[in-house]
Amino acid sequence: MRKSALALVLTLLLTSCGSGAEEVASTQQKLYVPSDCTKTQILAAFPESIPNPKFIDTPWEPAEGTDLFETLSRGGIACSYGIQTAEIGATILWAPNDDGVFESRIPEWTNFGQVKMDLPGVDEESAYVLSEGDENSVERHVWAINLLFKGVWIQVNATYLQTVEEAIPLVQAAIDSLTSK
């Protein structure tokens, strides 16, 4: 009798807890693109080999159909950082994934050689990477990373990255620059 009463109590407790999905959904806050290029985490993510990088105020004039155009037309932001005179730096794009813009860009990215990849240590929904050169070669570059993170499309472009692993601090800084408004 005691076993069946205990089983009934445990069953009632377990079934009244629900799946927990409601709790998870309520703890996940919506993230937004940064509103100001000077208030991001990007500069702190530059390697020591690039001394004293700065925000580079760029007057954008994007061509229709480009990633930059799609970013800015959706209320996103594009920011460049680095050493302008040395042409060393990074440009980061952030845009809300309104109307599935990230997914709509995938055919173009893959057509230009970007490959789907799981970024090490990053909990992205999806990522595509454009790199050039042999993994074991000195002449290797990671030119662009497009990732979808919690409803925000982030694109990281850099002139100095050799491997995806080298890009992760910059990717993480781009994620850390998202705001909760």
Protein backbone atom coordinates (compact mmCIF):
# COMPACT_ATOMS: atom_id res chain seq x y z
CA MET A 1 0.00 0.00 0.00
CA ARG A 2 2.78 2.42 0.85
CA LYS A 3 4.58 1.67 -2.45
CA SER A 4 1.51 2.46 -4.52
CA ALA A 5 0.81 5.66 -2.57
CA LEU A 6 4.42 6.78 -3.05
CA ALA A 7 4.22 5.91 -6.75
CA LEU A 8 1.02 7.95 -7.06
CA VAL A 9 2.60 10.97 -5.34
CA LEU A 10 5.71 10.74 -7.53
CA THR A 11 3.56 10.42 -10.66
CA LEU A 12 1.53 13.48 -9.69
CA LEU A 13 4.66 15.50 -8.95
CA LEU A 14 6.33 14.53 -12.20
CA THR A 15 3.29 15.18 -14.39
CA SER A 16 2.59 18.53 -12.75
CA CYS A 17 6.11 19.77 -13.52
CA GLY A 18 5.51 19.92 -17.27
CA SER A 19 8.26 19.78 -19.83
CA GLY A 20 10.09 22.85 -18.61
CA ALA A 21 9.96 24.38 -22.10
CA GLU A 22 7.99 27.35 -20.80
CA GLU A 23 10.69 28.06 -18.23
CA VAL A 24 13.47 27.84 -20.80
CA ALA A 25 11.62 30.15 -23.19
CA SER A 26 11.05 32.74 -20.49
CA THR A 27 14.73 32.78 -19.47
CA GLN A 28 16.00 33.28 -23.04
CA GLN A 29 15.99 37.00 -23.68
CA LYS A 30 15.79 38.46 -27.15
CA LEU A 31 19.07 39.80 -28.47
CA TYR A 32 19.51 42.86 -30.67
CA VAL A 33 22.22 44.24 -32.91
CA PRO A 34 24.50 46.84 -31.34
CA SER A 35 23.36 50.42 -31.91
CA ASP A 36 26.82 52.02 -31.84
CA CYS A 37 30.07 50.73 -33.36
CA THR A 38 32.08 52.39 -30.61
CA LYS A 39 30.26 50.43 -27.90
CA THR A 40 31.10 46.88 -28.97
CA GLN A 41 33.57 44.29 -27.67
CA ILE A 42 35.44 44.00 -30.98
CA LEU A 43 38.55 46.11 -30.29
CA ALA A 44 39.35 44.08 -27.18
CA ALA A 45 39.33 40.89 -29.29
CA PHE A 46 42.12 41.96 -31.64
CA PRO A 47 45.35 40.01 -31.15
CA GLU A 48 48.40 41.68 -29.60
CA SER A 49 50.12 41.46 -33.00
CA ILE A 50 47.81 44.27 -34.17
CA PRO A 51 48.77 47.12 -31.84
CA ASN A 52 46.31 49.89 -31.04
CA PRO A 53 43.43 49.09 -33.43
CA LYS A 54 40.74 51.75 -33.78
CA PHE A 55 37.14 52.04 -34.92
CA ILE A 56 37.18 53.15 -38.57
CA ASP A 57 34.20 55.37 -39.35
CA THR A 58 33.13 54.23 -42.80
CA PRO A 59 30.53 55.95 -45.00
CA TRP A 60 28.83 52.86 -46.43
CA GLU A 61 27.38 52.89 -49.95
CA PRO A 62 26.26 49.29 -50.43
CA ALA A 63 25.24 47.87 -53.78
CA GLU A 64 21.79 46.32 -53.84
CA GLY A 65 21.82 42.57 -53.30
CA THR A 66 25.06 42.49 -51.28
CA ASP A 67 25.35 41.29 -47.70
CA LEU A 68 26.07 44.88 -46.65
CA PHE A 69 22.91 46.14 -48.37
CA GLU A 70 20.82 43.38 -46.79
CA THR A 71 22.28 44.16 -43.37
CA LEU A 72 21.71 47.90 -43.47
CA SER A 73 18.27 47.69 -45.12
CA ARG A 74 17.06 45.56 -42.19
CA GLY A 75 18.16 48.00 -39.52
CA GLY A 76 21.49 46.27 -38.98
CA ILE A 77 24.87 47.84 -38.47
CA ALA A 78 28.28 47.48 -40.13
CA CYS A 79 31.46 48.42 -38.29
CA SER A 80 35.12 48.38 -39.31
CA TYR A 81 38.05 48.24 -36.90
CA GLY A 82 41.81 47.95 -37.21
CA ILE A 83 44.74 49.92 -38.55
CA GLN A 84 43.43 51.69 -41.63
CA THR A 85 46.80 52.82 -43.00
CA ALA A 86 48.13 49.26 -42.86
CA GLU A 87 44.90 47.79 -44.30
CA ILE A 88 44.74 45.35 -41.39
CA GLY A 89 41.45 44.89 -39.68
CA ALA A 90 37.98 43.49 -39.48
CA THR A 91 34.50 44.48 -40.53
CA ILE A 92 31.58 43.06 -38.60
CA LEU A 93 27.96 43.10 -39.78
CA TRP A 94 25.04 42.50 -37.42
CA ALA A 95 21.44 42.22 -38.64
CA PRO A 96 18.21 40.82 -37.26
CA ASN A 97 17.26 37.64 -39.10
CA ASP A 98 13.98 39.22 -40.18
CA ASP A 99 12.20 37.31 -42.93
CA GLY A 100 14.95 34.66 -42.84
CA VAL A 101 17.60 36.85 -44.46
CA PHE A 102 20.37 34.56 -43.17
CA GLU A 103 18.82 31.52 -44.85
CA SER A 104 18.14 33.49 -48.05
CA ARG A 105 21.87 34.33 -48.37
CA ILE A 106 23.11 30.72 -48.05
CA PRO A 107 22.86 29.85 -51.78
CA GLU A 108 24.99 32.86 -52.69
CA TRP A 109 27.55 32.14 -49.97
CA THR A 110 27.91 28.50 -50.99
CA ASN A 111 28.11 29.52 -54.64
CA PHE A 112 31.13 31.66 -53.71
CA GLY A 113 32.79 28.82 -51.80
CA GLN A 114 31.59 29.22 -48.23
CA VAL A 115 31.13 25.91 -46.45
CA LYS A 116 28.86 24.98 -43.58
CA MET A 117 30.83 24.52 -40.38
CA ASP A 118 30.31 24.06 -36.67
CA LEU A 119 32.37 26.77 -34.99
CA PRO A 120 34.47 25.44 -32.10
CA GLY A 121 33.17 26.59 -28.71
CA VAL A 122 30.32 28.66 -30.20
CA ASP A 123 26.66 27.74 -29.77
CA GLU A 124 25.55 29.09 -33.13
CA GLU A 125 22.46 27.88 -34.94
CA SER A 126 24.32 27.74 -38.25
CA ALA A 127 27.62 29.00 -39.69
CA TYR A 128 29.28 29.33 -43.10
CA VAL A 129 32.98 30.03 -43.57
CA LEU A 130 34.94 31.33 -46.54
CA SER A 131 38.58 30.32 -46.39
CA GLU A 132 41.33 30.00 -48.92
CA GLY A 133 44.46 27.89 -49.02
CA ASP A 134 45.55 24.56 -47.60
CA GLU A 135 45.09 23.96 -43.87
CA ASN A 136 48.80 23.16 -43.52
CA SER A 137 49.96 26.06 -45.68
CA VAL A 138 51.41 29.36 -44.54
CA GLU A 139 49.24 31.01 -47.20
CA ARG A 140 45.89 30.34 -45.59
CA HIS A 141 43.19 32.91 -44.90
CA VAL A 142 39.79 32.86 -43.28
CA TRP A 143 38.08 35.73 -45.03
CA ALA A 144 34.49 35.61 -43.77
CA ILE A 145 32.29 33.85 -41.28
CA ASN A 146 28.51 34.12 -41.42
CA LEU A 147 26.68 32.81 -38.40
CA LEU A 148 23.18 32.82 -37.03
CA PHE A 149 23.06 33.32 -33.27
CA LYS A 150 19.74 33.52 -31.43
CA GLY A 151 17.92 35.29 -34.25
CA VAL A 152 20.78 37.60 -35.25
CA TRP A 153 22.88 37.25 -38.39
CA ILE A 154 26.53 38.11 -37.71
CA GLN A 155 29.18 38.36 -40.39
CA VAL A 156 32.84 38.56 -39.40
CA ASN A 157 35.28 39.62 -42.12
CA ALA A 158 38.98 40.03 -41.42
CA THR A 159 42.25 40.46 -43.28
CA TYR A 160 44.50 38.83 -40.69
CA LEU A 161 42.93 35.49 -39.78
CA GLN A 162 44.69 32.27 -40.75
CA THR A 163 42.40 29.71 -39.11
CA VAL A 164 38.88 29.43 -37.79
CA GLU A 165 40.35 28.95 -34.31
CA GLU A 166 42.06 32.36 -34.62
CA ALA A 167 38.70 33.86 -35.58
CA ILE A 168 36.83 32.60 -32.51
CA PRO A 169 37.79 35.52 -30.19
CA LEU A 170 36.47 37.95 -32.82
CA VAL A 171 33.32 35.86 -33.32
CA GLN A 172 32.77 35.68 -29.56
CA ALA A 173 33.27 39.45 -29.25
CA ALA A 174 30.67 39.98 -31.97
CA ILE A 175 28.24 37.77 -30.02
CA ASP A 176 29.10 39.52 -26.75
CA SER A 177 28.36 42.86 -28.43
CA LEU A 178 24.69 41.94 -28.92
CA THR A 179 22.39 43.82 -26.57
CA SER A 180 19.18 42.99 -24.75
CA LYS A 181 17.98 46.63 -25.26
